[in-house]
Amino acid sequence: MGAVAVISAAGIAMLVGLWAVQLRTRDAATIDVGWTMLVAAGAVAAAALSEGDPARRALVAGLAAAWALRLGLYLVRDRVLSGRGEDGRYRALRERWGEAAPRNFLLLYLAQAVVAALFVVPLWAAMQGSPLDGWAAAGVLVWLVAVGGEWLADRKLARFRADPANRGAVCRSGLWKYSRHPNYFFEWVHWWVYVLIGRAAPLTLLGPLAMLLFLFRVTGIPYTERQAVKTRGDAYRAYQASTSAFVPWPPRKGRT
């Protein structure tokens, strides 16, 4: 328990530090970076502190940490260092909260520790058990598809946004031709990796279920869609009419 307390305290300290930085920059994009770093650290800590086959623990921790670090680095480049200003989600919250924004953002930063812990649980569950088997191999294959798909979607969107000629336009190429949120889809697919490695142990299902809830009910697709319609208008409405919201699928004919 002593090691858990130390790790938890370090995570809280990091979140408070990131919150303090946003007080000066008035940019809360580091919330998302903090969450991914906590998941990576939590995966490594779970592997070191739990029981189970060492190779199984190392595999789960390695896959989860690699996924989180890739996503975290992308978020740093795309949101923290991009120079585009604060993400619309947090800008809207800042305006709504007014003078209470510093306190409320502190609570929001600290809440990331709880959310990260929620996603570390399925990782821990997948680490338990006997030596690796064919289910683990299937999990690695799904990880390659999920992380590869997420990387391709992020890369295409970053290149699209970097071109001044695309300002105010809708990205409809690459994976974005088949899904309005391919990055979210492959992020969700990623959590099925641990269901496979863990042989569908009940707690491993928490990963994809929680991610689906966050994407559709908390901070993911609904808000992103509202912001896109607000900033891109009819162009995005046409995109909504032709393109799947989540699962990649051929566009509806006559509506592209």
Protein backbone atom coordinates (compact mmCIF):
# COMPACT_ATOMS: atom_id res chain seq x y z
CA MET A 1 0.00 0.00 0.00
CA GLY A 2 2.94 2.34 0.60
CA ALA A 3 4.01 2.16 -3.04
CA VAL A 4 0.43 2.80 -4.20
CA ALA A 5 0.23 5.87 -1.97
CA VAL A 6 3.50 7.25 -3.35
CA ILE A 7 2.42 6.68 -6.95
CA SER A 8 -0.98 8.27 -6.28
CA ALA A 9 0.63 11.29 -4.64
CA ALA A 10 2.99 11.73 -7.60
CA GLY A 11 0.05 11.62 -10.00
CA ILE A 12 -1.89 14.21 -8.00
CA ALA A 13 1.19 16.44 -7.85
CA MET A 14 1.55 16.25 -11.64
CA LEU A 15 -2.09 17.21 -12.16
CA VAL A 16 -1.84 20.14 -9.77
CA GLY A 17 1.31 21.28 -11.57
CA LEU A 18 -0.43 21.15 -14.94
CA TRP A 19 -3.36 23.08 -13.47
CA ALA A 20 -0.98 25.75 -12.18
CA VAL A 21 0.52 26.12 -15.65
CA GLN A 22 -2.91 26.65 -17.22
CA LEU A 23 -3.59 29.44 -14.73
CA ARG A 24 -0.83 31.36 -16.52
CA THR A 25 -1.45 30.20 -20.10
CA ARG A 26 -5.29 30.05 -19.90
CA ASP A 27 -5.10 26.85 -21.93
CA ALA A 28 -6.36 23.62 -20.34
CA ALA A 29 -5.30 21.27 -23.15
CA THR A 30 -2.89 19.58 -20.74
CA ILE A 31 -5.86 17.90 -19.05
CA ASP A 32 -5.91 15.28 -21.81
CA VAL A 33 -2.13 14.88 -21.72
CA GLY A 34 -2.22 14.37 -17.95
CA TRP A 35 -4.81 11.61 -18.30
CA THR A 36 -2.79 9.65 -20.84
CA MET A 37 0.38 9.94 -18.74
CA LEU A 38 -1.47 8.65 -15.69
CA VAL A 39 -2.74 5.64 -17.64
CA ALA A 40 0.82 4.84 -18.78
CA ALA A 41 2.19 5.18 -15.26
CA GLY A 42 -0.70 3.19 -13.83
CA ALA A 43 -0.11 0.33 -16.26
CA VAL A 44 3.55 0.11 -15.33
CA ALA A 45 2.75 0.33 -11.61
CA ALA A 46 0.08 -2.38 -11.88
CA ALA A 47 2.56 -4.69 -13.60
CA ALA A 48 5.17 -4.10 -10.91
CA LEU A 49 2.85 -4.49 -7.93
CA SER A 50 0.41 -7.22 -9.00
CA GLU A 51 0.72 -10.96 -9.24
CA GLY A 52 0.44 -13.10 -12.34
CA ASP A 53 2.68 -14.41 -15.07
CA PRO A 54 5.58 -11.94 -15.54
CA ALA A 55 5.38 -12.07 -19.34
CA ARG A 56 1.64 -11.39 -19.21
CA ARG A 57 2.14 -8.38 -16.93
CA ALA A 58 4.96 -7.05 -19.08
CA LEU A 59 2.96 -7.42 -22.30
CA VAL A 60 -0.12 -5.62 -20.99
CA ALA A 61 1.92 -2.84 -19.41
CA GLY A 62 4.04 -2.42 -22.53
CA LEU A 63 1.07 -2.24 -24.89
CA ALA A 64 -0.89 0.15 -22.69
CA ALA A 65 2.09 2.41 -22.00
CA ALA A 66 3.06 2.55 -25.69
CA TRP A 67 -0.51 3.45 -26.66
CA ALA A 68 -0.76 6.15 -23.98
CA LEU A 69 2.64 7.67 -24.75
CA ARG A 70 1.89 7.87 -28.48
CA LEU A 71 -1.42 9.55 -27.80
CA GLY A 72 0.10 11.87 -25.20
CA LEU A 73 2.86 13.03 -27.54
CA TYR A 74 0.34 13.64 -30.30
CA LEU A 75 -1.81 15.72 -27.95
CA VAL A 76 1.20 17.78 -26.91
CA ARG A 77 2.02 18.58 -30.53
CA ASP A 78 -1.57 19.03 -31.71
CA ARG A 79 -3.10 20.93 -28.79
CA VAL A 80 -0.44 22.26 -26.43
CA LEU A 81 2.22 23.41 -28.92
CA SER A 82 0.10 24.02 -32.02
CA GLY A 83 -0.50 27.71 -31.38
CA ARG A 84 -4.20 27.39 -32.32
CA GLY A 85 -5.37 28.46 -28.89
CA GLU A 86 -7.38 26.62 -26.27
CA ASP A 87 -9.55 23.70 -27.34
CA GLY A 88 -13.16 24.78 -27.81
CA ARG A 89 -14.39 22.44 -25.07
CA TYR A 90 -12.31 24.12 -22.41
CA ARG A 91 -12.78 27.63 -23.79
CA ALA A 92 -16.55 27.16 -23.48
CA LEU A 93 -16.18 25.91 -19.90
CA ARG A 94 -13.94 28.86 -19.02
CA GLU A 95 -16.53 31.31 -20.31
CA ARG A 96 -19.39 29.51 -18.56
CA TRP A 97 -17.62 29.27 -15.21
CA GLY A 98 -16.37 32.85 -15.13
CA GLU A 99 -14.73 33.70 -11.81
CA ALA A 100 -15.14 30.11 -10.61
CA ALA A 101 -13.00 28.80 -13.49
CA PRO A 102 -9.72 28.42 -11.50
CA ARG A 103 -11.42 26.31 -8.82
CA ASN A 104 -13.50 24.27 -11.25
CA PHE A 105 -10.54 23.56 -13.51
CA LEU A 106 -8.59 22.33 -10.48
CA LEU A 107 -11.40 19.88 -9.76
CA LEU A 108 -11.46 18.86 -13.43
CA TYR A 109 -7.71 18.22 -13.44
CA LEU A 110 -7.93 16.18 -10.24
CA ALA A 111 -10.83 14.18 -11.68
CA GLN A 112 -8.44 12.81 -14.28
CA ALA A 113 -6.83 10.70 -11.55
CA VAL A 114 -10.16 8.97 -10.95
CA VAL A 115 -10.77 8.48 -14.66
CA ALA A 116 -7.26 7.10 -15.18
CA ALA A 117 -7.73 4.68 -12.27
CA LEU A 118 -10.97 3.49 -13.89
CA PHE A 119 -9.02 2.53 -17.03
CA VAL A 120 -6.13 0.96 -15.14
CA VAL A 121 -8.52 -1.58 -13.59
CA PRO A 122 -9.08 -3.54 -16.87
CA LEU A 123 -5.34 -3.47 -17.47
CA TRP A 124 -4.74 -4.97 -14.03
CA ALA A 125 -7.41 -7.60 -14.70
CA ALA A 126 -5.73 -8.60 -17.98
CA MET A 127 -2.42 -9.07 -16.13
CA GLN A 128 -3.78 -11.80 -13.90
CA GLY A 129 -3.58 -15.44 -14.83
CA SER A 130 -1.45 -18.06 -16.52
CA PRO A 131 1.25 -17.75 -19.20
CA LEU A 132 0.41 -16.11 -22.50
CA ASP A 133 -1.52 -18.03 -25.13
CA GLY A 134 -3.22 -17.59 -28.50
CA TRP A 135 -5.64 -15.03 -27.06
CA ALA A 136 -2.67 -12.82 -26.24
CA ALA A 137 -1.44 -13.09 -29.82
CA ALA A 138 -4.90 -12.04 -31.04
CA GLY A 139 -4.74 -9.10 -28.65
CA VAL A 140 -1.40 -7.96 -30.07
CA LEU A 141 -2.83 -8.10 -33.60
CA VAL A 142 -5.82 -5.98 -32.56
CA TRP A 143 -3.43 -3.54 -30.83
CA LEU A 144 -1.52 -3.10 -34.10
CA VAL A 145 -4.75 -2.41 -35.98
CA ALA A 146 -6.09 -0.03 -33.32
CA VAL A 147 -2.92 2.00 -32.79
CA GLY A 148 -2.16 2.01 -36.51
CA GLY A 149 -5.66 3.25 -37.32
CA GLU A 150 -5.55 5.91 -34.63
CA TRP A 151 -2.13 7.09 -35.84
CA LEU A 152 -3.28 7.29 -39.45
CA ALA A 153 -6.40 9.26 -38.49
CA ASP A 154 -4.44 11.69 -36.29
CA ARG A 155 -1.74 12.16 -38.94
CA LYS A 156 -4.22 12.87 -41.72
CA LEU A 157 -6.14 15.39 -39.59
CA ALA A 158 -2.95 17.14 -38.46
CA ARG A 159 -1.78 17.52 -42.07
CA PHE A 160 -5.20 18.77 -43.13
CA ARG A 161 -5.26 21.41 -40.40
CA ALA A 162 -1.71 22.50 -41.17
CA ASP A 163 -2.71 23.60 -44.68
CA PRO A 164 -4.06 27.19 -44.58
CA ALA A 165 -6.17 26.43 -47.66
CA ASN A 166 -8.29 24.05 -45.55
CA ARG A 167 -9.27 26.65 -42.97
CA GLY A 168 -12.96 26.20 -42.17
CA ALA A 169 -13.22 23.10 -44.37
CA VAL A 170 -14.10 19.53 -43.38
CA CYS A 171 -11.50 16.76 -43.61
CA ARG A 172 -13.07 14.02 -45.75
CA SER A 173 -10.03 12.07 -46.90
CA GLY A 174 -8.26 8.97 -45.63
CA LEU A 175 -10.12 7.33 -42.78
CA TRP A 176 -12.16 10.53 -42.35
CA LYS A 177 -13.97 9.60 -45.56
CA TYR A 178 -15.49 6.59 -43.81
CA SER A 179 -16.02 7.85 -40.27
CA ARG A 180 -16.52 11.30 -38.75
CA HIS A 181 -14.50 10.16 -35.75
CA PRO A 182 -12.06 7.40 -36.81
CA ASN A 183 -9.61 8.42 -34.07
CA TYR A 184 -12.27 7.80 -31.43
CA PHE A 185 -13.29 4.51 -33.05
CA PHE A 186 -9.77 3.09 -32.98
CA GLU A 187 -9.24 4.39 -29.45
CA TRP A 188 -12.28 2.33 -28.44
CA VAL A 189 -11.02 -0.72 -30.38
CA HIS A 190 -7.75 -0.44 -28.44
CA TRP A 191 -9.51 -1.34 -25.19
CA TRP A 192 -10.68 -4.65 -26.63
CA VAL A 193 -7.02 -5.70 -26.71
CA TYR A 194 -7.09 -6.34 -22.96
CA VAL A 195 -10.38 -8.21 -23.17
CA LEU A 196 -8.65 -10.66 -25.52
CA ILE A 197 -5.43 -10.94 -23.52
CA GLY A 198 -7.44 -11.33 -20.31
CA ARG A 199 -9.68 -13.98 -21.89
CA ALA A 200 -12.76 -11.81 -21.32
CA ALA A 201 -12.32 -11.66 -17.54
CA PRO A 202 -15.29 -9.53 -16.37
CA LEU A 203 -13.23 -6.51 -15.27
CA THR A 204 -11.46 -6.30 -18.64
CA LEU A 205 -14.81 -5.38 -20.21
CA LEU A 206 -14.77 -2.18 -18.17
CA GLY A 207 -12.29 -0.68 -20.65
CA PRO A 208 -14.37 -0.69 -23.87
CA LEU A 209 -17.61 -0.03 -21.97
CA ALA A 210 -16.22 2.99 -20.11
CA MET A 211 -14.59 4.37 -23.26
CA LEU A 212 -17.86 4.05 -25.18
CA LEU A 213 -19.65 5.91 -22.39
CA PHE A 214 -17.11 8.73 -22.37
CA LEU A 215 -17.12 9.04 -26.16
CA PHE A 216 -20.90 9.19 -26.54
CA ARG A 217 -22.06 10.74 -23.27
CA VAL A 218 -19.28 12.80 -21.66
CA THR A 219 -16.54 14.61 -23.60
CA GLY A 220 -16.31 12.94 -26.98
CA ILE A 221 -18.59 12.86 -29.99
CA PRO A 222 -21.61 15.02 -28.96
CA TYR A 223 -19.52 18.06 -28.06
CA THR A 224 -17.20 17.67 -31.06
CA GLU A 225 -20.20 17.48 -33.37
CA ARG A 226 -21.79 20.62 -31.89
CA GLN A 227 -18.54 22.55 -32.26
CA ALA A 228 -18.06 21.35 -35.84
CA VAL A 229 -21.56 22.44 -36.86
CA LYS A 230 -21.00 25.80 -35.15
CA THR A 231 -17.70 26.47 -36.94
CA ARG A 232 -18.27 24.72 -40.31
CA GLY A 233 -22.03 25.01 -40.74
CA ASP A 234 -23.63 23.40 -43.80
CA ALA A 235 -20.37 21.76 -44.86
CA TYR A 236 -20.34 19.71 -41.68
CA ARG A 237 -24.08 19.01 -41.88
CA ALA A 238 -23.51 17.51 -45.32
CA TYR A 239 -20.68 15.45 -43.85
CA GLN A 240 -23.02 14.22 -41.12
CA ALA A 241 -25.60 13.21 -43.74
CA SER A 242 -23.12 11.15 -45.76
CA THR A 243 -20.65 9.69 -43.28
CA SER A 244 -20.85 7.25 -40.39
CA ALA A 245 -20.47 8.87 -36.97
CA PHE A 246 -18.26 6.16 -35.48
CA VAL A 247 -17.69 2.82 -37.20
CA PRO A 248 -15.83 3.30 -40.53
CA TRP A 249 -18.27 2.62 -43.35
CA PRO A 250 -18.58 3.57 -47.05
CA PRO A 251 -20.22 7.00 -47.44
CA ARG A 252 -23.90 7.08 -48.39
CA LYS A 253 -24.20 7.52 -52.14
CA GLY A 254 -25.49 10.82 -53.41
CA ARG A 255 -24.64 12.64 -50.18
CA THR A 256 -20.90 13.09 -50.46
